[in-house]
């Protein structure tokens, strides 16, 4: 797919749009990756509402599960924010044609977060993480690699660690089967399980550990993997105008400042897909000549 670069801060010169009270109160439904729960519900959502350009209505879940629900017609929304660019392709031509373009706007590396009250916390500070995660009795939490990009990245990172540290079988010793029911939890509940002491250690994005002050172990460059966050407006969005205003806010200076405060790494933004289908308001981000 064709990719285009965006100009940061382009929205600073966008003229204000006069909205009727009904338009300003119209809901904008956003399906988003569960790892962005705090960002969306405590940052982006309230800030967008305060602008009077729509009413944010968010729903968090594993990105893969949300994509499946969109494709199967189980959920309708204006905006889809995923932690994996390739999930947009599962909603494109030949798969319901609900996504014709998407914009990557941020990234967040995978980290190992742990409960500071856990009996394994001291070992995690003093010993290699891959040794501690193999200890008997340690309770590990992760997401489903089929339904959530974070779960897939967890498996990928362990496989990289096998090669980097020359430890054949490390992934299976730490994780068990890919769908190990003793470890796999819904993305939207995994943080709560760690904070409540139900698991000792889990795999999280840096935005989650920074935002929620979870002690974490950063992974070295040769094995680290990251979420690539993308946003799109679904083709059958009930409120496309409100969706355009929401995405414009997300990608604009105020939205990006909020994202930084919540621990996201800014990228691009870059467009992938049908540039002709991009709404006019969002074209203001496109760099001249690109």
Protein backbone atom coordinates (compact mmCIF):
# COMPACT_ATOMS: atom_id res chain seq x y z
CA UNK A 1 0.00 0.00 0.00
CA UNK A 2 1.13 3.56 -0.70
CA UNK A 3 2.42 5.52 2.31
CA UNK A 4 2.47 9.31 2.71
CA UNK A 5 4.06 11.55 5.32
CA UNK A 6 2.09 14.07 7.38
CA UNK A 7 2.95 17.53 8.66
CA UNK A 8 2.83 17.78 12.44
CA UNK A 9 0.85 20.69 13.77
CA UNK A 10 -1.02 21.24 10.51
CA UNK A 11 -4.27 21.65 12.39
CA UNK A 12 -3.04 24.81 14.05
CA UNK A 13 -4.30 26.75 11.04
CA UNK A 14 -7.59 24.92 10.56
CA UNK A 15 -10.53 27.31 10.76
CA UNK A 16 -13.06 26.59 13.47
CA UNK A 17 -16.20 24.81 12.32
CA UNK A 18 -19.50 26.23 13.52
CA UNK A 19 -21.64 23.39 14.88
CA UNK A 20 -25.24 23.33 15.97
CA UNK A 21 -25.90 22.13 19.55
CA UNK A 22 -27.22 18.87 18.13
CA UNK A 23 -24.06 18.30 16.08
CA UNK A 24 -21.85 19.12 19.04
CA UNK A 25 -23.68 16.56 21.17
CA UNK A 26 -23.73 13.83 18.53
CA UNK A 27 -21.82 10.74 19.72
CA UNK A 28 -18.58 9.65 18.07
CA UNK A 29 -18.11 5.93 18.71
CA UNK A 30 -14.48 4.84 18.93
CA UNK A 31 -13.34 1.21 19.10
CA UNK A 32 -9.78 1.20 20.39
CA UNK A 33 -6.98 -1.11 21.52
CA UNK A 34 -7.34 -1.94 25.21
CA UNK A 35 -3.78 -0.83 25.92
CA UNK A 36 -4.98 2.74 25.28
CA UNK A 37 -7.71 2.60 27.92
CA UNK A 38 -6.23 5.27 30.20
CA UNK A 39 -5.23 7.50 27.29
CA UNK A 40 -8.68 7.42 25.75
CA UNK A 41 -10.88 7.56 28.85
CA UNK A 42 -8.78 10.00 30.90
CA UNK A 43 -7.05 12.00 28.19
CA UNK A 44 -8.26 12.10 24.61
CA UNK A 45 -11.95 11.47 25.28
CA UNK A 46 -12.52 14.20 27.90
CA UNK A 47 -10.38 16.69 25.97
CA UNK A 48 -12.34 16.07 22.77
CA UNK A 49 -15.64 16.46 24.63
CA UNK A 50 -14.46 19.78 26.08
CA UNK A 51 -13.96 21.17 22.56
CA UNK A 52 -17.68 20.86 21.84
CA UNK A 53 -17.08 19.04 18.55
CA UNK A 54 -18.80 15.78 19.46
CA UNK A 55 -19.37 13.36 22.33
CA UNK A 56 -16.71 10.67 22.68
CA UNK A 57 -18.08 7.15 23.26
CA UNK A 58 -15.25 4.64 23.63
CA UNK A 59 -15.06 0.85 23.75
CA UNK A 60 -11.79 -0.96 24.54
CA UNK A 61 -10.79 -4.46 23.51
CA UNK A 62 -8.13 -6.57 21.89
CA UNK A 63 -7.48 -5.12 18.45
CA UNK A 64 -7.92 -8.46 16.70
CA UNK A 65 -11.16 -9.18 18.51
CA UNK A 66 -12.49 -5.72 17.62
CA UNK A 67 -11.55 -6.19 13.97
CA UNK A 68 -13.42 -9.51 13.95
CA UNK A 69 -16.49 -7.90 15.47
CA UNK A 70 -16.43 -5.07 12.92
CA UNK A 71 -16.04 -7.50 10.03
CA UNK A 72 -18.84 -9.74 11.29
CA UNK A 73 -21.19 -6.80 11.80
CA UNK A 74 -21.33 -7.26 15.58
CA UNK A 75 -20.16 -3.71 16.30
CA UNK A 76 -20.62 -0.43 14.45
CA UNK A 77 -18.54 2.62 15.11
CA UNK A 78 -17.07 5.70 13.52
CA UNK A 79 -13.40 5.18 14.36
CA UNK A 80 -11.16 2.13 14.78
CA UNK A 81 -7.81 2.47 16.57
CA UNK A 82 -5.64 -0.64 16.35
CA UNK A 83 -2.30 -1.70 17.83
CA UNK A 84 -1.38 -3.50 14.59
CA UNK A 85 -1.48 -1.96 11.09
CA UNK A 86 -2.13 -5.30 9.39
CA UNK A 87 -5.52 -5.64 11.08
CA UNK A 88 -6.79 -2.81 8.90
CA UNK A 89 -6.12 -4.98 5.87
CA UNK A 90 -8.48 -7.63 7.28
CA UNK A 91 -11.25 -5.01 6.98
CA UNK A 92 -10.38 -3.83 3.48
CA UNK A 93 -11.30 -4.93 -0.03
CA UNK A 94 -12.57 -8.48 -0.05
CA UNK A 95 -13.33 -8.34 3.68
CA UNK A 96 -16.32 -6.02 3.78
CA UNK A 97 -14.47 -2.97 2.41
CA UNK A 98 -14.87 -1.07 5.68
CA UNK A 99 -11.31 0.32 5.69
CA UNK A 100 -9.78 2.08 2.70
CA UNK A 101 -7.00 3.98 4.48
CA UNK A 102 -5.34 4.16 7.85
CA UNK A 103 -2.83 6.40 9.59
CA UNK A 104 -0.03 5.24 11.86
CA UNK A 105 0.45 7.86 14.56
CA UNK A 106 2.30 6.32 17.54
CA UNK A 107 4.29 3.36 18.81
CA UNK A 108 4.95 1.75 22.15
CA UNK A 109 7.51 -0.98 22.93
CA UNK A 110 6.63 -4.15 24.81
CA UNK A 111 7.88 -4.36 28.39
CA UNK A 112 7.68 -6.79 31.29
CA UNK A 113 5.63 -5.28 34.10
CA UNK A 114 5.52 -6.76 37.58
CA UNK A 115 3.74 -6.41 40.91
CA UNK A 116 6.19 -4.81 43.38
CA UNK A 117 4.51 -6.80 46.18
CA UNK A 118 5.16 -10.13 44.46
CA UNK A 119 7.61 -12.56 46.05
CA UNK A 120 9.37 -12.59 42.66
CA UNK A 121 9.89 -8.80 42.53
CA UNK A 122 13.34 -8.87 44.15
CA UNK A 123 14.53 -11.55 41.73
CA UNK A 124 13.28 -9.55 38.76
CA UNK A 125 15.47 -6.66 39.89
CA UNK A 126 18.56 -8.79 40.43
CA UNK A 127 18.45 -11.67 37.95
CA UNK A 128 17.86 -12.06 34.19
CA UNK A 129 14.13 -11.83 33.51
CA UNK A 130 14.10 -15.00 31.44
CA UNK A 131 15.41 -16.99 34.42
CA UNK A 132 12.84 -15.57 36.83
CA UNK A 133 9.93 -16.22 34.42
CA UNK A 134 10.81 -19.92 34.47
CA UNK A 135 10.65 -20.24 38.26
CA UNK A 136 8.00 -22.61 39.70
CA UNK A 137 4.90 -20.86 40.97
CA UNK A 138 5.30 -17.59 39.13
CA UNK A 139 1.96 -16.33 37.79
CA UNK A 140 2.30 -14.82 34.32
CA UNK A 141 -0.38 -12.78 32.57
CA UNK A 142 -0.57 -12.11 28.83
CA UNK A 143 -3.16 -11.63 26.11
CA UNK A 144 -4.40 -14.01 23.43
CA UNK A 145 -1.96 -14.06 20.48
CA UNK A 146 -4.84 -14.72 18.10
CA UNK A 147 -7.13 -11.92 19.28
CA UNK A 148 -4.66 -9.27 20.40
CA UNK A 149 -1.45 -7.89 18.84
CA UNK A 150 0.18 -7.64 22.27
CA UNK A 151 -0.25 -11.37 22.75
CA UNK A 152 1.28 -12.04 19.33
CA UNK A 153 4.18 -9.69 20.09
CA UNK A 154 4.76 -11.47 23.40
CA UNK A 155 5.27 -14.76 21.59
CA UNK A 156 7.45 -13.06 18.98
CA UNK A 157 9.64 -11.45 21.64
CA UNK A 158 10.19 -14.77 23.45
CA UNK A 159 11.16 -16.39 20.16
CA UNK A 160 13.66 -13.60 19.53
CA UNK A 161 15.04 -14.10 23.04
CA UNK A 162 15.58 -17.80 22.32
CA UNK A 163 17.91 -16.91 19.46
CA UNK A 164 19.57 -13.91 21.11
CA UNK A 165 20.36 -15.74 24.35
CA UNK A 166 20.86 -19.15 22.73
CA UNK A 167 18.17 -20.73 24.89
CA UNK A 168 16.23 -23.19 22.70
CA UNK A 169 12.70 -23.84 24.01
CA UNK A 170 12.60 -20.68 26.14
CA UNK A 171 9.25 -19.54 24.72
CA UNK A 172 7.50 -22.80 25.49
CA UNK A 173 9.03 -23.02 28.97
CA UNK A 174 7.85 -19.50 29.85
CA UNK A 175 4.51 -19.40 28.02
CA UNK A 176 3.45 -23.01 27.59
CA UNK A 177 0.99 -23.39 24.72
CA UNK A 178 0.12 -20.21 22.79
CA UNK A 179 -3.40 -20.27 24.24
CA UNK A 180 -2.33 -21.39 27.75
CA UNK A 181 -5.49 -20.75 29.83
CA UNK A 182 -3.43 -20.25 33.00
CA UNK A 183 -1.86 -17.14 31.45
CA UNK A 184 -4.12 -15.71 28.75
CA UNK A 185 -6.43 -12.93 29.91
CA UNK A 186 -8.52 -10.26 28.12
CA UNK A 187 -6.43 -7.21 27.33
CA UNK A 188 -8.82 -4.80 29.02
CA UNK A 189 -8.53 -6.69 32.35
CA UNK A 190 -4.84 -7.64 32.43
CA UNK A 191 -3.64 -4.46 34.13
CA UNK A 192 -6.27 -4.85 36.83
CA UNK A 193 -5.21 -8.43 37.49
CA UNK A 194 -1.62 -7.32 38.01
CA UNK A 195 -2.59 -4.43 40.25
CA UNK A 196 -4.84 -6.66 42.35
CA UNK A 197 -2.12 -9.27 42.85
CA UNK A 198 -3.74 -11.99 40.73
CA UNK A 199 -0.61 -12.24 38.58
CA UNK A 200 3.03 -11.58 39.47
CA UNK A 201 4.24 -10.43 36.10
CA UNK A 202 2.78 -9.59 32.71
CA UNK A 203 3.59 -8.28 29.25
CA UNK A 204 2.52 -4.67 28.68
CA UNK A 205 3.27 -1.76 26.41
CA UNK A 206 5.41 1.10 27.71
CA UNK A 207 2.41 3.44 27.53
CA UNK A 208 0.63 1.23 30.08
CA UNK A 209 3.55 0.88 32.48
CA UNK A 210 4.39 4.60 32.33
CA UNK A 211 0.79 5.78 32.55
CA UNK A 212 -0.12 3.53 35.47
CA UNK A 213 3.24 3.58 37.27
CA UNK A 214 3.79 -0.15 36.90
CA UNK A 215 7.39 -1.25 37.65
CA UNK A 216 8.78 -2.65 34.43
CA UNK A 217 11.79 -4.19 32.76
CA UNK A 218 12.77 -2.69 29.43
CA UNK A 219 13.88 -5.18 26.80
CA UNK A 220 17.14 -4.79 24.83
CA UNK A 221 17.07 -3.59 21.21
CA UNK A 222 17.84 -7.02 19.74
CA UNK A 223 14.63 -8.55 21.07
CA UNK A 224 12.25 -5.64 21.69
CA UNK A 225 8.99 -5.47 19.73
CA UNK A 226 6.43 -2.68 19.66
CA UNK A 227 2.80 -1.82 19.05
CA UNK A 228 2.19 0.34 15.98
CA UNK A 229 -0.97 2.33 16.61
CA UNK A 230 -3.17 3.24 13.67
CA UNK A 231 -6.45 5.11 13.26
CA UNK A 232 -9.08 4.95 10.52
CA UNK A 233 -12.64 6.06 9.92
CA UNK A 234 -14.83 3.09 9.04
CA UNK A 235 -16.51 3.42 5.66
CA UNK A 236 -20.00 2.82 7.08
CA UNK A 237 -19.53 5.26 9.99
CA UNK A 238 -22.94 6.60 11.14
CA UNK A 239 -21.42 10.00 11.98
CA UNK A 240 -18.56 10.58 9.50
CA UNK A 241 -18.30 14.32 10.14
CA UNK A 242 -17.89 13.76 13.87
CA UNK A 243 -15.35 11.03 13.14
CA UNK A 244 -13.29 13.44 11.02
CA UNK A 245 -13.24 15.99 13.83
CA UNK A 246 -12.17 13.33 16.34
CA UNK A 247 -9.33 12.01 14.18
CA UNK A 248 -8.22 15.57 13.43
CA UNK A 249 -8.02 16.24 17.17
CA UNK A 250 -6.16 12.97 17.81
CA UNK A 251 -3.54 13.84 15.19
CA UNK A 252 -3.34 17.54 15.97
CA UNK A 253 -1.00 19.32 18.40
CA UNK A 254 -3.31 19.03 21.42
CA UNK A 255 -4.00 15.34 20.83
CA UNK A 256 -0.35 14.51 20.34
CA UNK A 257 0.62 16.41 23.51
CA UNK A 258 -1.85 14.26 25.46
CA UNK A 259 -0.40 11.11 23.91
CA UNK A 260 3.12 12.08 24.95
CA UNK A 261 1.95 12.63 28.51
CA UNK A 262 0.56 9.11 28.48
CA UNK A 263 3.88 7.61 27.42
CA UNK A 264 3.41 7.08 23.67
CA UNK A 265 6.23 7.55 21.17
CA UNK A 266 5.11 9.80 18.32
CA UNK A 267 5.71 8.73 14.72
CA UNK A 268 4.77 10.16 11.33
CA UNK A 269 1.90 10.32 11.11
CA UNK A 270 1.87 8.30 7.88
CA UNK A 271 -0.99 7.35 5.60
CA UNK A 272 -1.40 3.91 4.07
CA UNK A 273 -4.08 3.10 1.53
CA UNK A 274 -6.35 5.07 -0.78
CA UNK A 275 -5.32 8.73 -0.47
CA UNK A 276 -8.33 9.75 -2.60
CA UNK A 277 -10.65 8.38 0.10
CA UNK A 278 -9.06 10.46 2.87
CA UNK A 279 -11.50 13.10 4.19
CA UNK A 280 -10.76 16.70 3.22
CA UNK A 281 -10.24 17.80 6.83
CA UNK A 282 -7.46 15.25 7.29
CA UNK A 283 -5.79 16.23 4.00
CA UNK A 284 -4.56 19.30 5.85
CA UNK A 285 -1.91 17.01 7.40
CA UNK A 286 -0.45 15.91 4.06
CA UNK A 287 2.91 17.39 3.25
CA UNK A 288 3.02 19.28 -0.09
CA UNK A 289 4.32 17.18 -2.94
CA UNK A 290 4.04 13.88 -1.09
